[in-house]
PDB file of N, CA and C in Angstrom:
ATOM      1  N   MET A   1       0.811  -1.187   0.095  1.00  0.00           N
ATOM      2  CA  MET A   1      -0.094  -0.098   0.081  1.00  0.00           C
ATOM      3  C   MET A   1       1.152   1.159  -0.137  1.00  0.00           C
ATOM      4  N   VAL A   2       0.467   2.450  -0.885  1.00  0.00           N
ATOM      5  CA  VAL A   2       1.109   3.696  -1.060  1.00  0.00           C
ATOM      6  C   VAL A   2       0.670   4.474   0.322  1.00  0.00           C
ATOM      7  N   GLU A   3       2.114   4.745   0.921  1.00  0.00           N
ATOM      8  CA  GLU A   3       1.909   5.385   1.968  1.00  0.00           C
ATOM      9  C   GLU A   3       2.162   7.019   1.928  1.00  0.00           C
ATOM     10  N   THR A   4       1.022   7.954   2.676  1.00  0.00           N
ATOM     11  CA  THR A   4       0.877   8.864   2.677  1.00  0.00           C
ATOM     12  C   THR A   4       2.486   9.957   1.997  1.00  0.00           C
ATOM     13  N   ASP A   5       3.385   9.688   2.650  1.00  0.00           N
ATOM     14  CA  ASP A   5       4.953  10.292   2.873  1.00  0.00           C
ATOM     15  C   ASP A   5       5.108   9.954   1.046  1.00  0.00           C
ATOM     16  N   ASP A   6       5.001   8.559   0.342  1.00  0.00           N
ATOM     17  CA  ASP A   6       5.310   8.352  -0.660  1.00  0.00           C
ATOM     18  C   ASP A   6       4.290   8.822  -1.650  1.00  0.00           C
ATOM     19  N   ILE A   7       2.979   9.460  -1.512  1.00  0.00           N
ATOM     20  CA  ILE A   7       2.382  10.008  -2.224  1.00  0.00           C
ATOM     21  C   ILE A   7       3.117  11.799  -2.246  1.00  0.00           C
ATOM     22  N   ALA A   8       3.180  12.344  -1.344  1.00  0.00           N
ATOM     23  CA  ALA A   8       3.683  13.989  -1.129  1.00  0.00           C
ATOM     24  C   ALA A   8       5.112  13.517  -1.711  1.00  0.00           C
ATOM     25  N   LYS A   9       6.096  12.768  -1.881  1.00  0.00           N
ATOM     26  CA  LYS A   9       6.749  12.767  -2.437  1.00  0.00           C
ATOM     27  C   LYS A   9       6.848  12.211  -3.967  1.00  0.00           C
ATOM     28  N   ALA A  10       5.606  11.910  -4.772  1.00  0.00           N
ATOM     29  CA  ALA A  10       5.399  11.765  -6.076  1.00  0.00           C
ATOM     30  C   ALA A  10       5.058  13.089  -6.370  1.00  0.00           C
ATOM     31  N   ALA A  11       4.110  13.753  -5.588  1.00  0.00           N
ATOM     32  CA  ALA A  11       3.692  15.012  -5.921  1.00  0.00           C
ATOM     33  C   ALA A  11       5.159  15.904  -5.996  1.00  0.00           C
ATOM     34  N   LYS A  12       5.825  16.119  -5.479  1.00  0.00           N
ATOM     35  CA  LYS A  12       7.050  17.095  -5.288  1.00  0.00           C
ATOM     36  C   LYS A  12       7.869  16.755  -6.727  1.00  0.00           C
ATOM     37  N   ILE A  13       7.703  15.849  -6.843  1.00  0.00           N
ATOM     38  CA  ILE A  13       8.865  15.163  -8.212  1.00  0.00           C
ATOM     39  C   ILE A  13       8.006  15.945  -9.199  1.00  0.00           C
ATOM     40  N   ALA A  14       6.753  15.402  -9.327  1.00  0.00           N
ATOM     41  CA  ALA A  14       6.486  15.926 -10.559  1.00  0.00           C
ATOM     42  C   ALA A  14       5.995  17.437 -10.373  1.00  0.00           C
ATOM     43  N   GLU A  15       6.219  18.098  -9.579  1.00  0.00           N
ATOM     44  CA  GLU A  15       5.833  19.597  -9.751  1.00  0.00           C
ATOM     45  C   GLU A  15       7.359  20.023  -9.898  1.00  0.00           C
ATOM     46  N   ARG A  16       8.450  19.584  -9.514  1.00  0.00           N
ATOM     47  CA  ARG A  16       9.553  19.806 -10.225  1.00  0.00           C
ATOM     48  C   ARG A  16       9.934  19.714 -11.576  1.00  0.00           C
ATOM     49  N   ASN A  17       8.687  18.708 -12.018  1.00  0.00           N
ATOM     50  CA  ASN A  17       9.080  18.695 -13.716  1.00  0.00           C
ATOM     51  C   ASN A  17       8.105  19.450 -14.314  1.00  0.00           C
ATOM     52  N   GLY A  18       7.389  20.455 -14.032  1.00  0.00           N
ATOM     53  CA  GLY A  18       6.665  21.516 -14.756  1.00  0.00           C
ATOM     54  C   GLY A  18       5.064  21.305 -14.619  1.00  0.00           C
ATOM     55  N   PHE A  19       4.293  20.288 -13.383  1.00  0.00           N
ATOM     56  CA  PHE A  19       3.061  19.781 -13.177  1.00  0.00           C
ATOM     57  C   PHE A  19       2.876  20.606 -12.077  1.00  0.00           C
ATOM     58  N   PHE A  20       1.309  21.324 -12.061  1.00  0.00           N
ATOM     59  CA  PHE A  20       0.878  22.156 -11.181  1.00  0.00           C
ATOM     60  C   PHE A  20       0.249  20.855 -10.263  1.00  0.00           C
ATOM     61  N   ARG A  21       0.061  21.459  -9.033  1.00  0.00           N
ATOM     62  CA  ARG A  21      -1.080  20.843  -8.137  1.00  0.00           C
ATOM     63  C   ARG A  21      -2.683  21.074  -8.076  1.00  0.00           C
ATOM     64  N   MET A  22      -3.664  20.626  -8.730  1.00  0.00           N
ATOM     65  CA  MET A  22      -5.394  20.885  -8.957  1.00  0.00           C
ATOM     66  C   MET A  22      -5.676  20.392  -7.642  1.00  0.00           C
ATOM     67  N   SER A  23      -5.406  19.673  -7.178  1.00  0.00           N
ATOM     68  CA  SER A  23      -6.241  19.010  -5.554  1.00  0.00           C
ATOM     69  C   SER A  23      -5.320  18.412  -5.038  1.00  0.00           C
ATOM     70  N   SER A  24      -5.281  18.132  -3.321  1.00  0.00           N
ATOM     71  CA  SER A  24      -4.567  17.209  -2.883  1.00  0.00           C
ATOM     72  C   SER A  24      -5.159  16.935  -1.434  1.00  0.00           C
ATOM     73  N   GLY A  25      -4.718  15.723  -1.018  1.00  0.00           N
ATOM     74  CA  GLY A  25      -5.460  15.661   0.375  1.00  0.00           C
ATOM     75  C   GLY A  25      -4.431  14.395   0.988  1.00  0.00           C
ATOM     76  N   SER A  26      -4.437  13.891   1.893  1.00  0.00           N
ATOM     77  CA  SER A  26      -3.616  12.935   2.734  1.00  0.00           C
ATOM     78  C   SER A  26      -3.385  11.454   1.825  1.00  0.00           C
ATOM     79  N   GLN A  27      -4.678  11.343   0.989  1.00  0.00           N
ATOM     80  CA  GLN A  27      -4.275   9.587   0.078  1.00  0.00           C
ATOM     81  C   GLN A  27      -4.722   9.957  -1.570  1.00  0.00           C
ATOM     82  N   ARG A  28      -4.677  11.264  -1.908  1.00  0.00           N
ATOM     83  CA  ARG A  28      -4.434  11.193  -3.139  1.00  0.00           C
ATOM     84  C   ARG A  28      -3.912  12.426  -3.669  1.00  0.00           C
ATOM     85  N   VAL A  29      -3.445  13.350  -5.043  1.00  0.00           N
ATOM     86  CA  VAL A  29      -3.187  14.208  -5.317  1.00  0.00           C
ATOM     87  C   VAL A  29      -3.497  14.454  -6.756  1.00  0.00           C
ATOM     88  N   THR A  30      -3.661  15.194  -7.444  1.00  0.00           N
ATOM     89  CA  THR A  30      -4.239  15.404  -8.895  1.00  0.00           C
ATOM     90  C   THR A  30      -3.470  16.703  -9.254  1.00  0.00           C
ATOM     91  N   LEU A  31      -2.895  16.617 -10.215  1.00  0.00           N
ATOM     92  CA  LEU A  31      -1.748  17.281 -11.168  1.00  0.00           C
ATOM     93  C   LEU A  31      -1.920  17.369 -12.496  1.00  0.00           C
ATOM     94  N   ASN A  32      -1.773  18.268 -12.820  1.00  0.00           N
ATOM     95  CA  ASN A  32      -1.798  18.492 -14.320  1.00  0.00           C
ATOM     96  C   ASN A  32      -0.775  19.649 -15.028  1.00  0.00           C
ATOM     97  N   LYS A  33      -0.340  20.073 -16.539  1.00  0.00           N
ATOM     98  CA  LYS A  33       1.046  20.085 -17.072  1.00  0.00           C
ATOM     99  C   LYS A  33      -0.315  20.598 -18.326  1.00  0.00           C
ATOM    100  N   GLY A  34      -0.141  22.070 -18.413  1.00  0.00           N
ATOM    101  CA  GLY A  34      -0.569  22.612 -20.136  1.00  0.00           C
ATOM    102  C   GLY A  34      -2.158  23.654 -19.365  1.00  0.00           C
ATOM    103  N   TYR A  35      -2.460  23.862 -18.253  1.00  0.00           N
ATOM    104  CA  TYR A  35      -2.920  24.328 -18.004  1.00  0.00           C
ATOM    105  C   TYR A  35      -2.178  26.141 -17.856  1.00  0.00           C
ATOM    106  N   THR A  36      -2.794  27.019 -18.762  1.00  0.00           N
ATOM    107  CA  THR A  36      -1.869  28.466 -18.709  1.00  0.00           C
ATOM    108  C   THR A  36      -2.883  29.486 -18.288  1.00  0.00           C
ATOM    109  N   SER A  37      -2.126  30.491 -17.590  1.00  0.00           N
ATOM    110  CA  SER A  37      -3.048  31.516 -17.660  1.00  0.00           C
ATOM    111  C   SER A  37      -4.215  32.364 -18.704  1.00  0.00           C
ATOM    112  N   GLU A  38      -3.454  31.829 -19.947  1.00  0.00           N
ATOM    113  CA  GLU A  38      -3.939  32.153 -21.319  1.00  0.00           C
ATOM    114  C   GLU A  38      -5.131  31.062 -21.442  1.00  0.00           C
ATOM    115  N   GLY A  39      -5.325  29.871 -20.772  1.00  0.00           N
ATOM    116  CA  GLY A  39      -6.093  29.215 -21.211  1.00  0.00           C
ATOM    117  C   GLY A  39      -5.514  27.700 -21.293  1.00  0.00           C
ATOM    118  N   PHE A  40      -6.383  27.113 -22.320  1.00  0.00           N
ATOM    119  CA  PHE A  40      -5.408  25.583 -22.424  1.00  0.00           C
ATOM    120  C   PHE A  40      -4.337  25.745 -23.003  1.00  0.00           C
ATOM    121  N   ALA A  41      -3.325  24.816 -23.048  1.00  0.00           N
ATOM    122  CA  ALA A  41      -2.155  24.850 -23.902  1.00  0.00           C
ATOM    123  C   ALA A  41      -2.955  23.990 -25.088  1.00  0.00           C
ATOM    124  N   ASP A  42      -1.886  23.383 -25.988  1.00  0.00           N
ATOM    125  CA  ASP A  42      -2.468  22.577 -27.669  1.00  0.00           C
ATOM    126  C   ASP A  42      -2.482  21.380 -26.443  1.00  0.00           C
ATOM    127  N   LYS A  43      -2.039  21.046 -25.854  1.00  0.00           N
ATOM    128  CA  LYS A  43      -1.728  19.725 -24.645  1.00  0.00           C
ATOM    129  C   LYS A  43      -1.530  19.879 -23.805  1.00  0.00           C
ATOM    130  N   VAL A  44      -2.527  18.261 -23.008  1.00  0.00           N
ATOM    131  CA  VAL A  44      -2.907  19.024 -21.234  1.00  0.00           C
ATOM    132  C   VAL A  44      -2.842  17.614 -20.842  1.00  0.00           C
ATOM    133  N   TYR A  45      -2.267  17.818 -20.187  1.00  0.00           N
ATOM    134  CA  TYR A  45      -1.505  16.089 -18.846  1.00  0.00           C
ATOM    135  C   TYR A  45      -2.058  16.330 -17.799  1.00  0.00           C
ATOM    136  N   HIS A  46      -2.961  15.261 -17.203  1.00  0.00           N
ATOM    137  CA  HIS A  46      -3.704  15.016 -15.929  1.00  0.00           C
ATOM    138  C   HIS A  46      -2.373  13.701 -15.491  1.00  0.00           C
ATOM    139  N   LEU A  47      -2.104  13.903 -14.071  1.00  0.00           N
ATOM    140  CA  LEU A  47      -1.117  12.691 -13.093  1.00  0.00           C
ATOM    141  C   LEU A  47      -2.097  12.778 -12.005  1.00  0.00           C
ATOM    142  N   HIS A  48      -2.685  11.602 -11.783  1.00  0.00           N
ATOM    143  CA  HIS A  48      -3.465  11.234 -10.668  1.00  0.00           C
ATOM    144  C   HIS A  48      -2.203  10.102  -9.733  1.00  0.00           C
ATOM    145  N   ILE A  49      -2.366  10.326  -8.117  1.00  0.00           N
ATOM    146  CA  ILE A  49      -1.558   9.826  -7.739  1.00  0.00           C
ATOM    147  C   ILE A  49      -2.446   9.304  -6.748  1.00  0.00           C
ATOM    148  N   ARG A  50      -2.451   8.267  -6.435  1.00  0.00           N
ATOM    149  CA  ARG A  50      -3.441   7.741  -5.302  1.00  0.00           C
ATOM    150  C   ARG A  50      -2.939   6.377  -4.653  1.00  0.00           C
ATOM    151  N   ARG A  51      -3.469   6.219  -3.724  1.00  0.00           N
ATOM    152  CA  ARG A  51      -3.176   4.935  -2.690  1.00  0.00           C
ATOM    153  C   ARG A  51      -3.768   3.545  -3.526  1.00  0.00           C
ATOM    154  N   GLU A  52      -2.871   2.941  -3.049  1.00  0.00           N
ATOM    155  CA  GLU A  52      -3.542   1.476  -4.014  1.00  0.00           C
ATOM    156  C   GLU A  52      -5.042   1.263  -3.537  1.00  0.00           C
ATOM    157  N   GLY A  53      -5.915   0.767  -4.583  1.00  0.00           N
ATOM    158  CA  GLY A  53      -7.176   0.781  -4.506  1.00  0.00           C
ATOM    159  C   GLY A  53      -7.790   1.348  -5.000  1.00  0.00           C
ATOM    160  N   ASP A  54      -7.954   2.515  -4.868  1.00  0.00           N
ATOM    161  CA  ASP A  54      -8.323   4.105  -5.100  1.00  0.00           C
ATOM    162  C   ASP A  54      -8.454   3.879  -6.498  1.00  0.00           C
ATOM    163  N   ASN A  55      -9.482   3.599  -7.209  1.00  0.00           N
ATOM    164  CA  ASN A  55      -9.350   3.145  -8.780  1.00  0.00           C
ATOM    165  C   ASN A  55     -10.602   3.645  -9.149  1.00  0.00           C
ATOM    166  N   LYS A  56     -11.299   4.874  -9.304  1.00  0.00           N
ATOM    167  CA  LYS A  56     -12.230   4.956  -9.625  1.00  0.00           C
ATOM    168  C   LYS A  56     -12.425   5.670 -11.016  1.00  0.00           C
ATOM    169  N   GLU A  57     -11.421   6.310 -11.185  1.00  0.00           N
ATOM    170  CA  GLU A  57     -11.068   6.808 -12.312  1.00  0.00           C
ATOM    171  C   GLU A  57     -10.613   5.878 -13.682  1.00  0.00           C
ATOM    172  N   LEU A  58     -10.061   4.660 -13.172  1.00  0.00           N
ATOM    173  CA  LEU A  58     -10.112   3.459 -13.902  1.00  0.00           C
ATOM    174  C   LEU A  58     -11.448   3.145 -14.321  1.00  0.00           C
ATOM    175  N   TYR A  59     -12.290   3.192 -13.228  1.00  0.00           N
ATOM    176  CA  TYR A  59     -13.942   2.272 -14.055  1.00  0.00           C
ATOM    177  C   TYR A  59     -14.361   3.261 -14.760  1.00  0.00           C
ATOM    178  N   PHE A  60     -14.261   4.632 -14.515  1.00  0.00           N
ATOM    179  CA  PHE A  60     -14.729   5.724 -15.662  1.00  0.00           C
ATOM    180  C   PHE A  60     -14.160   5.235 -16.808  1.00  0.00           C
ATOM    181  N   ARG A  61     -13.002   5.089 -17.090  1.00  0.00           N
ATOM    182  CA  ARG A  61     -12.556   5.358 -18.146  1.00  0.00           C
ATOM    183  C   ARG A  61     -12.789   3.965 -18.741  1.00  0.00           C
ATOM    184  N   ASP A  62     -12.637   2.720 -18.251  1.00  0.00           N
ATOM    185  CA  ASP A  62     -13.368   1.370 -18.578  1.00  0.00           C
ATOM    186  C   ASP A  62     -14.715   1.744 -18.888  1.00  0.00           C
ATOM    187  N   TYR A  63     -15.609   2.371 -18.411  1.00  0.00           N
ATOM    188  CA  TYR A  63     -17.113   2.618 -18.717  1.00  0.00           C
ATOM    189  C   TYR A  63     -17.020   3.255 -19.958  1.00  0.00           C
ATOM    190  N   LEU A  64     -16.174   4.338 -20.338  1.00  0.00           N
ATOM    191  CA  LEU A  64     -15.852   5.106 -21.639  1.00  0.00           C
ATOM    192  C   LEU A  64     -15.810   4.477 -22.841  1.00  0.00           C
ATOM    193  N   ASN A  65     -14.657   3.846 -22.395  1.00  0.00           N
ATOM    194  CA  ASN A  65     -14.168   3.113 -23.629  1.00  0.00           C
ATOM    195  C   ASN A  65     -15.158   1.668 -23.907  1.00  0.00           C
ATOM    196  N   GLU A  66     -15.893   0.952 -23.143  1.00  0.00           N
ATOM    197  CA  GLU A  66     -17.069   0.053 -23.372  1.00  0.00           C
ATOM    198  C   GLU A  66     -18.563   0.255 -23.879  1.00  0.00           C
ATOM    199  N   GLN A  67     -18.534   1.484 -23.763  1.00  0.00           N
ATOM    200  CA  GLN A  67     -19.689   2.463 -24.082  1.00  0.00           C
ATOM    201  C   GLN A  67     -19.669   3.635 -24.816  1.00  0.00           C
ATOM    202  N   PRO A  68     -19.644   3.594 -26.178  1.00  0.00           N
ATOM    203  CA  PRO A  68     -19.212   4.909 -27.228  1.00  0.00           C
ATOM    204  C   PRO A  68     -20.405   5.359 -26.788  1.00  0.00           C
ATOM    205  N   GLU A  69     -21.554   5.604 -26.747  1.00  0.00           N
ATOM    206  CA  GLU A  69     -22.485   6.780 -27.084  1.00  0.00           C
ATOM    207  C   GLU A  69     -22.278   7.566 -25.617  1.00  0.00           C
ATOM    208  N   VAL A  70     -21.915   6.639 -24.752  1.00  0.00           N
ATOM    209  CA  VAL A  70     -21.689   7.581 -23.523  1.00  0.00           C
ATOM    210  C   VAL A  70     -20.228   8.633 -23.690  1.00  0.00           C
ATOM    211  N   ALA A  71     -19.192   7.868 -24.219  1.00  0.00           N
ATOM    212  CA  ALA A  71     -17.887   8.407 -24.379  1.00  0.00           C
ATOM    213  C   ALA A  71     -18.274   9.474 -25.554  1.00  0.00           C
ATOM    214  N   LYS A  72     -19.022   9.653 -26.195  1.00  0.00           N
ATOM    215  CA  LYS A  72     -19.532  10.698 -27.320  1.00  0.00           C
ATOM    216  C   LYS A  72     -20.125  11.828 -26.574  1.00  0.00           C
ATOM    217  N   GLU A  73     -20.983  11.467 -25.584  1.00  0.00           N
ATOM    218  CA  GLU A  73     -21.642  12.619 -25.030  1.00  0.00           C
ATOM    219  C   GLU A  73     -20.674  13.255 -24.029  1.00  0.00           C
ATOM    220  N   TYR A  74     -19.946  12.287 -23.608  1.00  0.00           N
ATOM    221  CA  TYR A  74     -18.630  12.903 -22.499  1.00  0.00           C
ATOM    222  C   TYR A  74     -17.559  14.340 -23.457  1.00  0.00           C
ATOM    223  N   GLU A  75     -17.512  13.363 -24.899  1.00  0.00           N
ATOM    224  CA  GLU A  75     -16.699  14.367 -25.526  1.00  0.00           C
ATOM    225  C   GLU A  75     -17.578  15.734 -26.153  1.00  0.00           C
ATOM    226  N   ARG A  76     -18.387  16.166 -26.386  1.00  0.00           N
ATOM    227  CA  ARG A  76     -19.505  16.715 -26.484  1.00  0.00           C
ATOM    228  C   ARG A  76     -19.489  17.729 -25.513  1.00  0.00           C
ATOM    229  N   MET A  77     -19.734  17.356 -24.669  1.00  0.00           N
ATOM    230  CA  MET A  77     -19.825  18.407 -23.273  1.00  0.00           C
ATOM    231  C   MET A  77     -18.447  18.888 -22.396  1.00  0.00           C
ATOM    232  N   LYS A  78     -17.261  17.658 -22.831  1.00  0.00           N
ATOM    233  CA  LYS A  78     -16.083  18.615 -22.487  1.00  0.00           C
ATOM    234  C   LYS A  78     -15.636  19.847 -23.696  1.00  0.00           C
ATOM    235  N   LEU A  79     -16.248  19.578 -25.016  1.00  0.00           N
ATOM    236  CA  LEU A  79     -15.907  20.574 -25.732  1.00  0.00           C
ATOM    237  C   LEU A  79     -16.537  21.671 -25.813  1.00  0.00           C
ATOM    238  N   ASP A  80     -18.021  21.593 -25.512  1.00  0.00           N
ATOM    239  CA  ASP A  80     -18.481  22.403 -25.116  1.00  0.00           C
ATOM    240  C   ASP A  80     -18.061  23.358 -23.683  1.00  0.00           C
ATOM    241  N   LEU A  81     -17.846  23.032 -22.845  1.00  0.00           N
ATOM    242  CA  LEU A  81     -17.123  23.621 -21.706  1.00  0.00           C
ATOM    243  C   LEU A  81     -15.900  24.534 -21.759  1.00  0.00           C
ATOM    244  N   TRP A  82     -15.163  23.317 -22.748  1.00  0.00           N
ATOM    245  CA  TRP A  82     -13.606  24.098 -23.124  1.00  0.00           C
ATOM    246  C   TRP A  82     -13.936  25.259 -23.504  1.00  0.00           C
ATOM    247  N   LYS A  83     -14.859  25.995 -24.187  1.00  0.00           N
ATOM    248  CA  LYS A  83     -15.038  26.976 -24.503  1.00  0.00           C
ATOM    249  C   LYS A  83     -15.505  27.926 -23.854  1.00  0.00           C
ATOM    250  N   LYS A  84     -16.638  27.562 -23.178  1.00  0.00           N
ATOM    251  CA  LYS A  84     -17.092  28.347 -22.030  1.00  0.00           C
ATOM    252  C   LYS A  84     -16.165  28.332 -20.504  1.00  0.00           C
ATOM    253  N   TYR A  85     -15.541  27.836 -20.380  1.00  0.00           N
ATOM    254  CA  TYR A  85     -14.288  28.496 -19.022  1.00  0.00           C
ATOM    255  C   TYR A  85     -13.221  27.971 -19.188  1.00  0.00           C
ATOM    256  N   GLU A  86     -12.465  28.149 -20.583  1.00  0.00           N
ATOM    257  CA  GLU A  86     -11.074  27.903 -21.139  1.00  0.00           C
ATOM    258  C   GLU A  86      -9.913  28.782 -20.127  1.00  0.00           C
ATOM    259  N   HIS A  87     -10.632  29.813 -19.202  1.00  0.00           N
ATOM    260  CA  HIS A  87      -9.942  30.287 -18.488  1.00  0.00           C
ATOM    261  C   HIS A  87     -10.589  30.256 -16.980  1.00  0.00           C
ATOM    262  N   ASN A  88     -11.057  29.061 -16.499  1.00  0.00           N
ATOM    263  CA  ASN A  88     -11.703  28.960 -14.894  1.00  0.00           C
ATOM    264  C   ASN A  88     -11.520  27.546 -15.390  1.00  0.00           C
ATOM    265  N   ARG A  89     -10.514  26.480 -14.693  1.00  0.00           N
ATOM    266  CA  ARG A  89     -10.080  25.390 -14.571  1.00  0.00           C
ATOM    267  C   ARG A  89     -11.429  25.022 -13.983  1.00  0.00           C
ATOM    268  N   ASP A  90     -11.393  25.422 -12.602  1.00  0.00           N
ATOM    269  CA  ASP A  90     -12.179  24.627 -11.181  1.00  0.00           C
ATOM    270  C   ASP A  90     -13.894  24.857 -12.248  1.00  0.00           C
ATOM    271  N   ASP A  91     -14.459  25.680 -12.824  1.00  0.00           N
ATOM    272  CA  ASP A  91     -15.609  25.682 -12.965  1.00  0.00           C
ATOM    273  C   ASP A  91     -15.781  25.289 -13.908  1.00  0.00           C
ATOM    274  N   TYR A  92     -14.641  24.679 -14.964  1.00  0.00           N
ATOM    275  CA  TYR A  92     -14.842  23.662 -15.620  1.00  0.00           C
ATOM    276  C   TYR A  92     -15.198  22.046 -15.232  1.00  0.00           C
ATOM    277  N   THR A  93     -14.356  21.798 -14.298  1.00  0.00           N
ATOM    278  CA  THR A  93     -14.160  20.511 -13.584  1.00  0.00           C
ATOM    279  C   THR A  93     -15.467  20.470 -12.623  1.00  0.00           C
ATOM    280  N   GLU A  94     -16.112  21.488 -12.370  1.00  0.00           N
ATOM    281  CA  GLU A  94     -17.493  21.324 -11.542  1.00  0.00           C
ATOM    282  C   GLU A  94     -18.921  20.878 -12.444  1.00  0.00           C
ATOM    283  N   ALA A  95     -18.122  21.453 -13.489  1.00  0.00           N
ATOM    284  CA  ALA A  95     -19.691  21.791 -14.795  1.00  0.00           C
ATOM    285  C   ALA A  95     -19.774  19.973 -14.858  1.00  0.00           C
ATOM    286  N   LYS A  96     -18.417  19.223 -14.698  1.00  0.00           N
ATOM    287  CA  LYS A  96     -18.574  17.787 -15.586  1.00  0.00           C
ATOM    288  C   LYS A  96     -18.795  17.117 -14.158  1.00  0.00           C
ATOM    289  N   THR A  97     -18.368  17.373 -13.351  1.00  0.00           N
ATOM    290  CA  THR A  97     -18.449  16.606 -12.138  1.00  0.00           C
ATOM    291  C   THR A  97     -20.069  15.527 -11.991  1.00  0.00           C
ATOM    292  N   ASP A  98     -20.665  16.106 -11.836  1.00  0.00           N
ATOM    293  CA  ASP A  98     -22.381  15.479 -11.794  1.00  0.00           C
ATOM    294  C   ASP A  98     -22.524  14.245 -12.853  1.00  0.00           C
ATOM    295  N   PHE A  99     -21.720  14.526 -14.422  1.00  0.00           N
ATOM    296  CA  PHE A  99     -21.652  13.041 -15.296  1.00  0.00           C
ATOM    297  C   PHE A  99     -20.561  12.567 -14.894  1.00  0.00           C
ATOM    298  N   VAL A 100     -19.341  12.437 -14.633  1.00  0.00           N
ATOM    299  CA  VAL A 100     -18.413  11.965 -14.077  1.00  0.00           C
ATOM    300  C   VAL A 100     -19.045  10.727 -12.794  1.00  0.00           C
ATOM    301  N   GLU A 101     -19.754  11.486 -12.135  1.00  0.00           N
ATOM    302  CA  GLU A 101     -20.309  10.441 -10.772  1.00  0.00           C
ATOM    303  C   GLU A 101     -20.773  10.153 -11.063  1.00  0.00           C
ATOM    304  N   LYS A 102     -22.220   9.892 -12.108  1.00  0.00           N
ATOM    305  CA  LYS A 102     -23.087   9.326 -12.441  1.00  0.00           C
ATOM    306  C   LYS A 102     -22.563   7.909 -12.991  1.00  0.00           C
ATOM    307  N   TRP A 103     -21.699   8.036 -14.218  1.00  0.00           N
ATOM    308  CA  TRP A 103     -21.293   6.920 -15.131  1.00  0.00           C
ATOM    309  C   TRP A 103     -19.973   6.246 -14.263  1.00  0.00           C
ATOM    310  N   THR A 104     -19.718   6.838 -13.428  1.00  0.00           N
ATOM    311  CA  THR A 104     -18.249   6.081 -12.548  1.00  0.00           C
ATOM    312  C   THR A 104     -19.310   4.984 -11.322  1.00  0.00           C
ATOM    313  N   SER A 105     -20.230   6.076 -11.306  1.00  0.00           N
ATOM    314  CA  SER A 105     -21.410   4.457  -9.883  1.00  0.00           C
ATOM    315  C   SER A 105     -21.678   3.920 -10.809  1.00  0.00           C
ATOM    316  N   GLU A 106     -22.305   3.707 -12.337  1.00  0.00           N
ATOM    317  CA  GLU A 106     -22.491   2.937 -12.849  1.00  0.00           C
ATOM    318  C   GLU A 106     -21.362   2.004 -13.442  1.00  0.00           C
ATOM    319  N   ALA A 107     -20.114   2.376 -13.889  1.00  0.00           N
ATOM    320  CA  ALA A 107     -19.534   1.591 -13.573  1.00  0.00           C
ATOM    321  C   ALA A 107     -18.506   0.366 -12.924  1.00  0.00           C
ATOM    322  N   LEU A 108     -19.011   1.102 -11.326  1.00  0.00           N
ATOM    323  CA  LEU A 108     -18.750   0.462 -10.174  1.00  0.00           C
ATOM    324  C   LEU A 108     -19.912  -0.358 -10.055  1.00  0.00           C
ATOM    325  N   LYS A 109     -21.219  -0.593 -10.205  1.00  0.00           N
ATOM    326  CA  LYS A 109     -22.051  -1.318 -10.009  1.00  0.00           C
ATOM    327  C   LYS A 109     -21.825  -2.832 -11.580  1.00  0.00           C
ATOM    328  N   LEU A 110     -21.215  -2.346 -12.916  1.00  0.00           N
ATOM    329  CA  LEU A 110     -20.907  -3.284 -13.463  1.00  0.00           C
ATOM    330  C   LEU A 110     -20.015  -4.300 -13.389  1.00  0.00           C
ATOM    331  N   TYR A 111     -19.000  -3.134 -13.140  1.00  0.00           N
ATOM    332  CA  TYR A 111     -17.659  -4.584 -12.830  1.00  0.00           C
ATOM    333  C   TYR A 111     -16.883  -4.746 -11.545  1.00  0.00           C
ATOM    334  N   GLY A 112     -17.522  -3.934 -10.771  1.00  0.00           N
ATOM    335  CA  GLY A 112     -17.179  -4.536  -9.358  1.00  0.00           C
ATOM    336  C   GLY A 112     -16.318  -4.578  -8.748  1.00  0.00           C
ATOM    337  N   GLY A 113     -15.607  -5.333  -8.442  1.00  0.00           N
ATOM    338  CA  GLY A 113     -14.132  -5.791  -8.084  1.00  0.00           C
ATOM    339  C   GLY A 113     -13.207  -6.064  -9.293  1.00  0.00           C
ATOM    340  N   ARG A 114     -13.045  -5.005  -9.981  1.00  0.00           N
ATOM    341  CA  ARG A 114     -12.263  -5.247 -11.056  1.00  0.00           C
ATOM    342  C   ARG A 114     -10.788  -5.070 -10.739  1.00  0.00           C
ATOM    343  N   TYR A 115     -10.760  -3.782 -10.035  1.00  0.00           N
ATOM    344  CA  TYR A 115      -9.264  -3.116  -9.500  1.00  0.00           C
ATOM    345  C   TYR A 115      -8.888  -3.550  -8.316  1.00  0.00           C
TER     346      TYR A 115
END
């Protein structure tokens, strides 16, 4: 199991390599690279550092990969939100939270203990 200190160390290494800390807690850190004060860069990268067993993002990813109509809806929504919130990362994230939580919940029901 990854310890809290290991998560903090990994996050500091990522930050030294150009990643920006979006959120953090004692058991998880989310970082990105590619968001600027001028808006989104051409390429944006996300790094999620979690303790072992914290796999909700993997379930969501798997669900999108196996449900193309939901993935397409997510794509359309993200493109619309990108235009609306190009300079406000927090509101962009908040605007898609209900969608992500809904389909992550469905994925957890469907895939159970996959990870």
